[in-house]
N, C-alpha and C. Protein backbone atom coordinates (compact mmCIF):
# COMPACT_ATOMS: atom_id res chain seq x y z
N MET A 1 -18.24 -8.31 -1.12
CA MET A 1 -19.30 -7.65 -0.82
C MET A 1 -19.85 -7.27 0.08
N PRO A 2 -19.96 -5.94 -0.38
CA PRO A 2 -21.20 -5.49 0.18
C PRO A 2 -22.80 -6.38 1.00
N TYR A 3 -22.95 -5.70 2.07
CA TYR A 3 -24.29 -6.44 2.14
C TYR A 3 -25.24 -6.70 1.66
N ASP A 4 -25.45 -5.11 1.19
CA ASP A 4 -26.67 -4.61 0.51
C ASP A 4 -26.84 -4.78 -1.45
N THR A 5 -25.78 -5.93 -1.98
CA THR A 5 -25.63 -6.18 -3.02
C THR A 5 -25.24 -7.72 -3.24
N SER A 6 -25.86 -8.02 -4.55
CA SER A 6 -25.63 -9.25 -5.14
C SER A 6 -24.63 -10.07 -5.74
N ARG A 7 -24.13 -8.93 -5.97
CA ARG A 7 -22.72 -9.27 -6.82
C ARG A 7 -21.46 -8.12 -6.59
N THR A 8 -20.61 -7.77 -6.31
CA THR A 8 -19.78 -7.31 -6.95
C THR A 8 -18.11 -7.51 -7.60
N ASP A 9 -18.43 -6.96 -8.95
CA ASP A 9 -16.97 -7.26 -9.11
C ASP A 9 -15.61 -6.49 -9.11
N LEU A 10 -14.49 -7.55 -9.35
CA LEU A 10 -13.13 -6.81 -9.28
C LEU A 10 -13.19 -5.21 -9.61
N THR A 11 -12.32 -4.78 -9.58
CA THR A 11 -12.44 -3.45 -9.93
C THR A 11 -11.47 -3.25 -10.92
N GLN A 12 -10.17 -4.45 -11.05
CA GLN A 12 -9.86 -4.99 -11.90
C GLN A 12 -8.93 -6.38 -11.94
N ALA A 13 -8.76 -7.10 -13.41
CA ALA A 13 -8.03 -8.04 -13.41
C ALA A 13 -6.78 -8.13 -12.99
N TRP A 14 -6.12 -8.95 -12.48
CA TRP A 14 -4.96 -9.20 -12.43
C TRP A 14 -4.59 -10.34 -13.17
N GLU A 15 -3.53 -10.36 -13.80
CA GLU A 15 -2.58 -11.17 -14.31
C GLU A 15 -1.27 -10.90 -14.47
N TYR A 16 -0.84 -12.34 -13.70
CA TYR A 16 0.61 -12.32 -13.77
C TYR A 16 1.12 -14.06 -13.80
N ASP A 17 2.19 -14.20 -13.96
CA ASP A 17 2.85 -15.31 -14.15
C ASP A 17 3.82 -16.00 -13.79
N THR A 18 4.18 -15.35 -12.35
CA THR A 18 5.36 -15.78 -11.64
C THR A 18 4.46 -15.54 -10.11
N VAL A 19 4.49 -16.37 -8.93
CA VAL A 19 4.38 -15.99 -7.86
C VAL A 19 4.94 -14.78 -6.97
N GLU A 20 6.17 -14.10 -7.43
CA GLU A 20 6.76 -12.96 -7.30
C GLU A 20 5.91 -11.89 -7.67
N GLU A 21 5.33 -11.73 -8.89
CA GLU A 21 4.68 -11.02 -9.45
C GLU A 21 3.23 -10.90 -8.69
N ALA A 22 2.42 -12.31 -8.22
CA ALA A 22 1.00 -11.72 -7.76
C ALA A 22 1.49 -11.54 -6.21
N LEU A 23 2.95 -11.24 -5.68
CA LEU A 23 2.71 -10.87 -4.39
C LEU A 23 2.92 -9.35 -4.66
N ALA A 24 4.03 -8.99 -5.52
CA ALA A 24 3.71 -7.81 -5.79
C ALA A 24 2.81 -6.77 -5.78
N ALA A 25 1.31 -7.46 -6.95
CA ALA A 25 0.50 -6.64 -6.44
C ALA A 25 -0.48 -6.92 -5.58
N ALA A 26 0.15 -8.23 -4.52
CA ALA A 26 -0.51 -7.99 -3.50
C ALA A 26 -0.21 -6.72 -2.87
N ARG A 27 0.68 -6.55 -2.49
CA ARG A 27 1.46 -5.50 -2.01
C ARG A 27 0.78 -4.29 -1.97
N TRP A 28 0.90 -4.11 -3.53
CA TRP A 28 0.57 -2.96 -3.93
C TRP A 28 -1.08 -2.44 -3.48
N LEU A 29 -2.00 -3.62 -3.83
CA LEU A 29 -3.16 -3.33 -3.29
C LEU A 29 -3.91 -3.04 -2.58
N TRP A 30 -2.64 -4.28 -1.42
CA TRP A 30 -2.80 -4.15 0.04
C TRP A 30 -2.51 -2.50 0.62
N ASP A 31 -1.60 -2.39 0.24
CA ASP A 31 -1.39 -0.90 0.06
C ASP A 31 -2.08 0.69 0.05
N GLU A 32 -3.44 0.32 -0.86
CA GLU A 32 -4.42 0.88 -1.94
C GLU A 32 -5.86 0.82 -0.99
N GLN A 33 -5.65 -0.19 0.10
CA GLN A 33 -6.57 -0.57 1.19
C GLN A 33 -7.80 -1.31 -0.33
N ARG A 34 -7.09 -2.12 -0.76
CA ARG A 34 -8.16 -2.89 -2.02
C ARG A 34 -7.45 -4.86 -0.68
N PHE A 35 -8.24 -4.73 -0.19
CA PHE A 35 -7.89 -5.85 0.57
C PHE A 35 -8.84 -6.98 0.09
N PHE A 36 -9.63 -7.27 -0.76
CA PHE A 36 -10.61 -8.03 -1.53
C PHE A 36 -9.47 -8.64 -2.46
N GLU A 37 -9.22 -7.67 -3.23
CA GLU A 37 -8.48 -8.00 -4.58
C GLU A 37 -6.75 -8.30 -4.08
N ALA A 38 -6.07 -7.83 -2.83
CA ALA A 38 -5.20 -8.58 -2.18
C ALA A 38 -4.89 -9.73 -1.41
N HIS A 39 -6.07 -10.03 -1.12
CA HIS A 39 -6.12 -11.27 -0.67
C HIS A 39 -6.47 -12.61 -1.90
N GLU A 40 -7.28 -11.88 -2.63
CA GLU A 40 -7.03 -13.34 -3.63
C GLU A 40 -5.60 -13.40 -4.37
N CYS A 41 -4.52 -12.31 -4.73
CA CYS A 41 -3.33 -12.52 -5.06
C CYS A 41 -2.85 -13.27 -4.10
N LEU A 42 -2.48 -12.97 -2.69
CA LEU A 42 -1.63 -13.11 -2.27
C LEU A 42 -2.36 -14.88 -1.85
N GLU A 43 -3.22 -15.25 -2.36
CA GLU A 43 -4.30 -16.47 -2.33
C GLU A 43 -2.75 -17.50 -3.05
N ASP A 44 -3.03 -17.33 -4.01
CA ASP A 44 -1.71 -17.81 -5.45
C ASP A 44 -0.81 -17.72 -4.66
N VAL A 45 -0.03 -16.87 -3.77
CA VAL A 45 0.88 -16.84 -3.14
C VAL A 45 1.51 -18.29 -1.94
N TRP A 46 -0.05 -18.11 -1.44
CA TRP A 46 0.08 -19.58 -0.39
C TRP A 46 -0.31 -20.45 -0.86
N HIS A 47 -0.96 -21.14 -2.03
CA HIS A 47 -0.69 -22.38 -3.54
C HIS A 47 -0.23 -22.30 -3.19
N HIS A 48 1.31 -22.01 -3.62
CA HIS A 48 2.56 -22.42 -4.03
C HIS A 48 4.00 -22.25 -3.12
N ALA A 49 3.03 -22.10 -2.06
CA ALA A 49 4.78 -21.93 -1.00
C ALA A 49 4.44 -23.50 -0.19
N PRO A 50 5.54 -23.55 -0.02
CA PRO A 50 6.08 -25.36 0.80
C PRO A 50 5.60 -25.49 2.22
N ASP A 51 5.15 -25.88 2.71
CA ASP A 51 4.64 -26.92 3.42
C ASP A 51 4.88 -26.14 4.84
N ASP A 52 6.46 -25.69 5.06
CA ASP A 52 6.69 -25.07 6.07
C ASP A 52 6.40 -23.50 6.16
N ASP A 53 5.85 -22.82 4.84
CA ASP A 53 5.63 -21.47 5.00
C ASP A 53 3.98 -21.42 4.72
N ARG A 54 3.18 -22.66 4.70
CA ARG A 54 1.94 -22.33 3.69
C ARG A 54 0.81 -21.56 5.21
N ALA A 55 1.15 -21.73 6.90
CA ALA A 55 0.51 -21.21 7.60
C ALA A 55 0.71 -19.89 7.67
N PHE A 56 2.07 -19.26 7.54
CA PHE A 56 2.35 -17.96 7.15
C PHE A 56 1.86 -17.27 5.95
N TRP A 57 1.89 -17.53 5.60
CA TRP A 57 0.90 -16.89 4.28
C TRP A 57 -0.40 -17.25 4.35
N LYS A 58 -1.18 -17.83 4.98
CA LYS A 58 -2.61 -17.83 5.19
C LYS A 58 -2.60 -17.17 6.31
N GLY A 59 -1.23 -16.85 6.99
CA GLY A 59 -2.33 -15.86 8.21
C GLY A 59 -1.89 -15.24 7.66
N VAL A 60 -0.90 -14.47 6.88
CA VAL A 60 -1.15 -12.89 6.37
C VAL A 60 -1.97 -12.85 5.53
N ILE A 61 -2.98 -13.33 4.70
CA ILE A 61 -3.94 -13.53 4.31
C ILE A 61 -5.20 -13.21 4.96
N GLN A 62 -5.36 -13.89 5.89
CA GLN A 62 -6.37 -13.59 7.24
C GLN A 62 -6.19 -12.31 8.05
N VAL A 63 -5.23 -11.67 7.73
CA VAL A 63 -5.07 -10.14 8.07
C VAL A 63 -5.73 -9.43 6.74
N ALA A 64 -6.19 -9.84 5.97
CA ALA A 64 -6.53 -8.80 4.44
C ALA A 64 -7.96 -9.06 4.89
N VAL A 65 -7.96 -10.27 5.02
CA VAL A 65 -9.82 -10.96 5.90
C VAL A 65 -10.37 -10.38 6.06
N ALA A 66 -9.49 -9.70 7.67
CA ALA A 66 -10.45 -8.87 8.40
C ALA A 66 -10.30 -7.80 8.65
N CYS A 67 -9.34 -6.78 7.21
CA CYS A 67 -9.46 -5.85 6.75
C CYS A 67 -10.66 -5.75 5.44
N VAL A 68 -11.11 -6.69 4.84
CA VAL A 68 -12.51 -6.23 4.50
C VAL A 68 -13.49 -6.88 5.36
N HIS A 69 -13.23 -7.90 6.29
CA HIS A 69 -14.76 -7.40 6.77
C HIS A 69 -15.00 -6.55 8.11
N HIS A 70 -13.70 -5.41 7.97
CA HIS A 70 -14.13 -4.29 9.34
C HIS A 70 -14.77 -2.94 7.96
N GLN A 71 -14.28 -2.86 6.54
CA GLN A 71 -14.61 -2.43 5.67
C GLN A 71 -15.93 -2.50 5.05
N ARG A 72 -16.74 -4.25 5.42
CA ARG A 72 -17.94 -4.22 5.80
C ARG A 72 -19.00 -4.43 6.78
N ASP A 73 -18.40 -3.48 7.64
CA ASP A 73 -19.06 -3.00 8.90
C ASP A 73 -18.96 -4.79 9.77
N ASN A 74 -18.42 -5.74 9.82
CA ASN A 74 -18.77 -7.04 10.23
C ASN A 74 -18.19 -6.93 10.89
N ALA A 75 -18.33 -7.23 12.39
CA ALA A 75 -17.40 -6.95 13.59
C ALA A 75 -17.07 -8.64 13.76
N SER A 76 -17.86 -9.10 14.01
CA SER A 76 -17.64 -10.82 14.35
C SER A 76 -16.51 -11.30 13.01
N GLY A 77 -16.77 -11.33 11.79
CA GLY A 77 -15.82 -11.23 11.40
C GLY A 77 -14.10 -10.60 10.47
N VAL A 78 -14.42 -9.89 11.64
CA VAL A 78 -12.86 -8.91 12.24
C VAL A 78 -11.97 -9.52 13.59
N VAL A 79 -13.54 -10.01 14.15
CA VAL A 79 -12.60 -10.41 15.21
C VAL A 79 -12.05 -12.09 14.69
N ALA A 80 -12.95 -12.73 14.19
CA ALA A 80 -13.03 -14.48 14.19
C ALA A 80 -11.07 -13.95 12.74
N SER A 81 -11.39 -13.41 12.37
CA SER A 81 -10.19 -13.64 11.15
C SER A 81 -8.92 -12.83 11.79
N CYS A 82 -8.99 -12.12 12.72
CA CYS A 82 -7.46 -11.89 13.45
C CYS A 82 -7.07 -13.04 13.95
N ALA A 83 -8.46 -13.96 14.92
CA ALA A 83 -7.59 -14.44 16.09
C ALA A 83 -6.75 -15.91 15.00
N LYS A 84 -7.25 -15.61 13.99
CA LYS A 84 -6.92 -16.46 12.95
C LYS A 84 -5.50 -16.60 12.84
N ALA A 85 -5.68 -15.50 12.26
CA ALA A 85 -4.67 -14.84 11.52
C ALA A 85 -2.99 -14.81 12.59
N VAL A 86 -3.42 -14.53 13.94
CA VAL A 86 -2.50 -14.36 14.76
C VAL A 86 -2.24 -15.92 15.04
N GLY A 87 -2.73 -16.65 14.82
CA GLY A 87 -3.06 -18.15 15.25
C GLY A 87 -1.78 -18.88 14.30
N ASN A 88 -2.45 -18.66 13.34
CA ASN A 88 -1.30 -18.64 12.44
C ASN A 88 0.11 -17.99 11.77
N LEU A 89 0.23 -17.02 12.18
CA LEU A 89 1.38 -16.32 12.61
C LEU A 89 2.07 -16.32 14.06
N ALA A 90 1.77 -17.22 14.32
CA ALA A 90 2.41 -17.31 16.36
C ALA A 90 3.87 -17.77 16.21
N ASP A 91 3.78 -19.26 15.10
CA ASP A 91 5.11 -19.81 15.66
C ASP A 91 6.07 -19.01 14.49
N TYR A 92 6.44 -18.15 13.84
CA TYR A 92 6.42 -17.61 12.83
C TYR A 92 7.44 -16.35 13.71
N PRO A 93 8.49 -15.95 13.28
CA PRO A 93 10.09 -14.93 14.00
C PRO A 93 8.91 -13.30 13.87
N ASP A 94 9.74 -12.26 14.22
CA ASP A 94 8.94 -11.40 14.40
C ASP A 94 9.05 -10.95 12.67
N VAL A 95 9.84 -11.14 12.04
CA VAL A 95 10.47 -10.99 10.41
C VAL A 95 10.52 -12.22 10.11
N HIS A 96 9.78 -12.57 9.16
CA HIS A 96 10.08 -13.31 7.96
C HIS A 96 9.49 -13.20 6.12
N HIS A 97 10.06 -13.43 5.40
CA HIS A 97 10.15 -13.19 4.12
C HIS A 97 10.55 -11.87 4.15
N GLY A 98 10.86 -11.35 4.75
CA GLY A 98 10.96 -9.87 4.45
C GLY A 98 9.33 -8.77 4.83
N ILE A 99 8.81 -9.79 5.61
CA ILE A 99 7.51 -9.31 5.99
C ILE A 99 7.15 -8.55 7.67
N ASP A 100 7.58 -8.10 8.53
CA ASP A 100 7.19 -7.74 9.98
C ASP A 100 6.14 -8.65 10.09
N VAL A 101 5.97 -9.55 10.53
CA VAL A 101 5.19 -10.50 11.40
C VAL A 101 4.79 -10.07 12.68
N GLU A 102 5.32 -9.24 13.43
CA GLU A 102 5.12 -8.61 14.58
C GLU A 102 3.94 -7.42 14.45
N GLN A 103 4.11 -7.06 13.18
CA GLN A 103 3.79 -5.76 12.84
C GLN A 103 2.20 -6.16 12.74
N LEU A 104 2.36 -7.19 11.90
CA LEU A 104 0.53 -8.05 11.64
C LEU A 104 -0.21 -8.14 13.41
N ARG A 105 0.52 -9.00 13.92
CA ARG A 105 0.57 -10.06 15.28
C ARG A 105 -0.40 -8.25 15.86
N VAL A 106 0.44 -7.38 16.18
CA VAL A 106 0.00 -6.54 16.83
C VAL A 106 -1.68 -6.00 15.94
N PHE A 107 -1.09 -5.05 15.25
CA PHE A 107 -2.47 -4.78 14.42
C PHE A 107 -3.73 -5.64 14.62
N CYS A 108 -3.55 -7.40 14.38
CA CYS A 108 -4.57 -8.12 14.34
C CYS A 108 -5.51 -8.34 16.36
N ASP A 109 -3.86 -7.95 16.83
CA ASP A 109 -4.55 -7.61 18.28
C ASP A 109 -5.42 -6.44 19.07
N GLY A 110 -4.68 -5.79 18.76
CA GLY A 110 -5.43 -4.04 18.44
C GLY A 110 -6.51 -4.22 18.10
N VAL A 111 -7.21 -4.31 17.01
CA VAL A 111 -8.05 -4.24 16.30
C VAL A 111 -9.11 -4.80 17.01
N ALA A 112 -8.61 -6.30 17.06
CA ALA A 112 -9.54 -7.08 17.33
C ALA A 112 -10.63 -6.62 18.55
N VAL A 113 -9.00 -6.07 19.48
CA VAL A 113 -10.20 -5.29 21.02
C VAL A 113 -11.07 -4.49 20.68
N VAL A 114 -10.44 -3.41 19.75
CA VAL A 114 -11.60 -2.56 19.88
C VAL A 114 -12.76 -2.15 18.86
N VAL A 115 -12.71 -3.63 18.26
CA VAL A 115 -14.22 -3.72 17.33
C VAL A 115 -14.64 -4.03 18.51
N GLN A 116 -14.38 -5.41 19.41
CA GLN A 116 -15.12 -6.16 20.03
C GLN A 116 -16.16 -5.28 21.26
N GLU A 117 -14.88 -3.80 21.80
CA GLU A 117 -15.72 -3.32 22.67
C GLU A 117 -16.62 -2.25 22.38
N ALA A 118 -16.34 -1.49 20.57
CA ALA A 118 -16.82 0.21 19.94
C ALA A 118 -17.95 -0.94 18.84
N GLY A 119 -17.11 -1.72 18.50
CA GLY A 119 -18.12 -2.31 16.63
C GLY A 119 -16.97 -1.48 15.60
N CYS A 120 -17.63 -1.42 14.33
CA CYS A 120 -16.37 -1.55 13.58
C CYS A 120 -15.96 0.34 13.35
N VAL A 121 -15.53 0.98 14.43
CA VAL A 121 -15.75 2.16 14.34
C VAL A 121 -14.12 2.47 13.27
N GLU A 122 -13.57 3.57 13.06
CA GLU A 122 -12.54 3.33 12.56
C GLU A 122 -11.32 2.98 12.87
N VAL A 123 -10.16 2.72 12.22
CA VAL A 123 -9.26 2.12 12.22
C VAL A 123 -8.56 2.59 11.28
N GLY A 124 -6.74 2.65 11.80
CA GLY A 124 -6.21 2.48 10.77
C GLY A 124 -5.36 1.68 10.19
N TYR A 125 -5.76 1.51 8.98
CA TYR A 125 -4.94 -0.03 8.63
C TYR A 125 -4.07 -0.17 8.36
N PRO A 126 -3.02 -0.99 8.37
CA PRO A 126 -1.60 -1.08 8.11
C PRO A 126 -0.99 -1.09 6.89
N GLU A 127 -0.24 -0.26 6.12
CA GLU A 127 0.85 -0.59 4.71
C GLU A 127 0.95 -2.08 4.54
N PHE A 128 1.03 -3.03 4.31
CA PHE A 128 2.00 -4.29 3.53
C PHE A 128 3.13 -3.57 4.73
N PRO A 129 3.34 -4.57 5.41
CA PRO A 129 4.46 -4.78 6.41
C PRO A 129 5.87 -5.08 5.71
N THR A 130 6.44 -4.57 5.17
CA THR A 130 7.14 -4.28 4.49
C THR A 130 8.81 -4.39 4.98
N MET A 131 9.97 -5.01 5.15
CA MET A 131 11.38 -5.22 5.77
C MET A 131 12.53 -6.14 4.84
N ASP A 132 13.45 -5.20 5.24
CA ASP A 132 14.94 -6.10 4.97
C ASP A 132 13.91 -6.37 3.21
N ASP A 133 14.36 -5.48 2.60
CA ASP A 133 14.14 -5.35 0.98
C ASP A 133 12.47 -6.39 0.44
N GLY A 134 11.99 -6.77 1.35
CA GLY A 134 10.51 -8.07 1.27
C GLY A 134 9.99 -7.80 0.82
N PRO A 135 8.39 -7.81 0.35
CA PRO A 135 8.65 -9.36 0.29
C PRO A 135 9.28 -10.02 -0.45
N TRP A 136 9.27 -11.05 0.04
CA TRP A 136 9.64 -12.26 -1.09
C TRP A 136 9.05 -13.84 -1.04
N PHE A 137 9.40 -14.29 -1.88
CA PHE A 137 8.30 -15.77 -1.58
C PHE A 137 9.05 -16.97 -0.99
N ASP A 138 10.53 -16.91 -1.41
CA ASP A 138 10.90 -18.00 -0.93
C ASP A 138 12.58 -17.40 -0.75
N ALA A 139 13.31 -17.90 -0.10
CA ALA A 139 15.14 -17.25 0.30
C ALA A 139 15.70 -17.31 -0.31
N ASP A 140 16.02 -17.75 -1.51
CA ASP A 140 17.13 -17.72 -2.78
C ASP A 140 16.10 -16.66 -3.72
N ARG A 141 15.10 -15.89 -3.63
CA ARG A 141 14.40 -14.54 -4.90
C ARG A 141 14.65 -15.51 -5.88
N LEU A 142 13.97 -16.89 -6.26
CA LEU A 142 13.79 -17.03 -7.56
C LEU A 142 12.51 -16.87 -8.09
N ARG A 143 12.18 -16.56 -9.44
CA ARG A 143 11.47 -16.72 -9.68
C ARG A 143 10.34 -17.95 -9.36
N THR A 144 9.17 -18.07 -9.44
CA THR A 144 8.76 -18.90 -9.27
C THR A 144 7.73 -18.76 -10.27
N PRO A 145 7.58 -19.79 -10.98
CA PRO A 145 6.01 -19.65 -12.22
C PRO A 145 4.98 -20.11 -11.70
N LEU A 146 3.92 -19.40 -11.97
CA LEU A 146 2.83 -19.78 -11.22
C LEU A 146 1.78 -20.46 -12.21
N SER A 147 1.58 -21.57 -11.54
CA SER A 147 0.62 -22.87 -11.91
C SER A 147 -1.32 -22.04 -11.62
N ARG A 148 -2.17 -22.43 -12.65
CA ARG A 148 -3.13 -22.48 -12.44
C ARG A 148 -3.91 -23.65 -12.07
N LYS A 149 -3.16 -24.70 -12.20
CA LYS A 149 -3.93 -26.12 -11.54
C LYS A 149 -3.84 -25.70 -9.79
N PRO A 150 -4.90 -26.33 -9.34
CA PRO A 150 -4.72 -26.84 -7.91
C PRO A 150 -3.69 -27.35 -7.17
N PRO A 151 -2.98 -26.68 -5.68
CA PRO A 151 -1.57 -27.13 -5.87
C PRO A 151 -1.61 -28.74 -6.10
N TRP A 152 -2.11 -29.58 -4.91
CA TRP A 152 -2.65 -30.87 -5.45
C TRP A 152 -2.59 -31.72 -6.60
N GLN A 153 -2.46 -31.19 -7.78
CA GLN A 153 -2.30 -31.38 -8.71
C GLN A 153 -0.69 -31.38 -9.39
N VAL A 154 -0.14 -30.00 -9.20
CA VAL A 154 1.04 -29.62 -9.71
C VAL A 154 1.69 -30.52 -8.41
N ALA A 155 1.61 -31.05 -7.11
CA ALA A 155 2.46 -31.66 -6.59
C ALA A 155 2.60 -33.82 -6.85
N ALA A 156 1.08 -33.56 -8.00
CA ALA A 156 0.71 -35.51 -7.92
C ALA A 156 1.80 -35.33 -8.95
N GLU A 157 2.07 -34.09 -10.06
CA GLU A 157 2.63 -33.76 -11.50
C GLU A 157 3.86 -34.11 -10.98
N GLN A 158 4.15 -33.63 -10.29
CA GLN A 158 5.58 -33.77 -9.74
C GLN A 158 6.39 -34.35 -9.63
N ARG A 159 5.63 -35.36 -8.41
CA ARG A 159 5.81 -36.79 -8.22
C ARG A 159 5.90 -37.89 -8.81
N GLN A 160 4.77 -37.46 -10.26
CA GLN A 160 4.64 -38.79 -10.96
C GLN A 160 6.37 -38.83 -11.95
N SER A 161 6.78 -37.12 -12.53
CA SER A 161 7.29 -36.86 -13.37
C SER A 161 8.80 -37.23 -12.63
N SER A 162 9.50 -37.54 -11.40
CA SER A 162 9.96 -37.28 -10.44
C SER A 162 10.20 -39.60 -10.78
N GLU A 163 8.94 -39.84 -10.67
CA GLU A 163 9.08 -40.76 -10.01
C GLU A 163 9.65 -42.65 -11.72
N SER A 164 9.10 -41.18 -12.81
CA SER A 164 9.26 -41.92 -14.51
C SER A 164 10.96 -42.36 -14.88
N PRO A 165 11.21 -43.07 -15.83
CA PRO A 165 12.89 -43.20 -15.96
C PRO A 165 13.21 -42.06 -16.89
């Protein structure tokens, strides 16, 4: 929210039943430069990601967060979020799950340098970096039901149901 306010409501409430729908909403919001709302939708994707993709989705979210900080003229937030995003995206290939990861890394590296040197001057925000008919949540492109429960609770329930006779 802007620094001179105590509360900002989301422009629109987003309701979806699958992780893929959350990702589609995030993509649309990102392209509309509604980065805070995009990051909220992407958190549902991140919470449902398998362990080996959690850092990836966290990195994508941190790029959106960097853009939110930039929109709010918070230069230190931009630089910190960009560094976290690049760190989380470092171990992934240039294209992962239909997302141009290299484009996100290049954006973060570039905007961090500009903001460190000149503050929150105008920068061009990237559209959501879609490639290869992406983005998608998993390689099988199955619809993944969205649980409103915390991920740790879902995992515990899954373990419990697999252990019962």
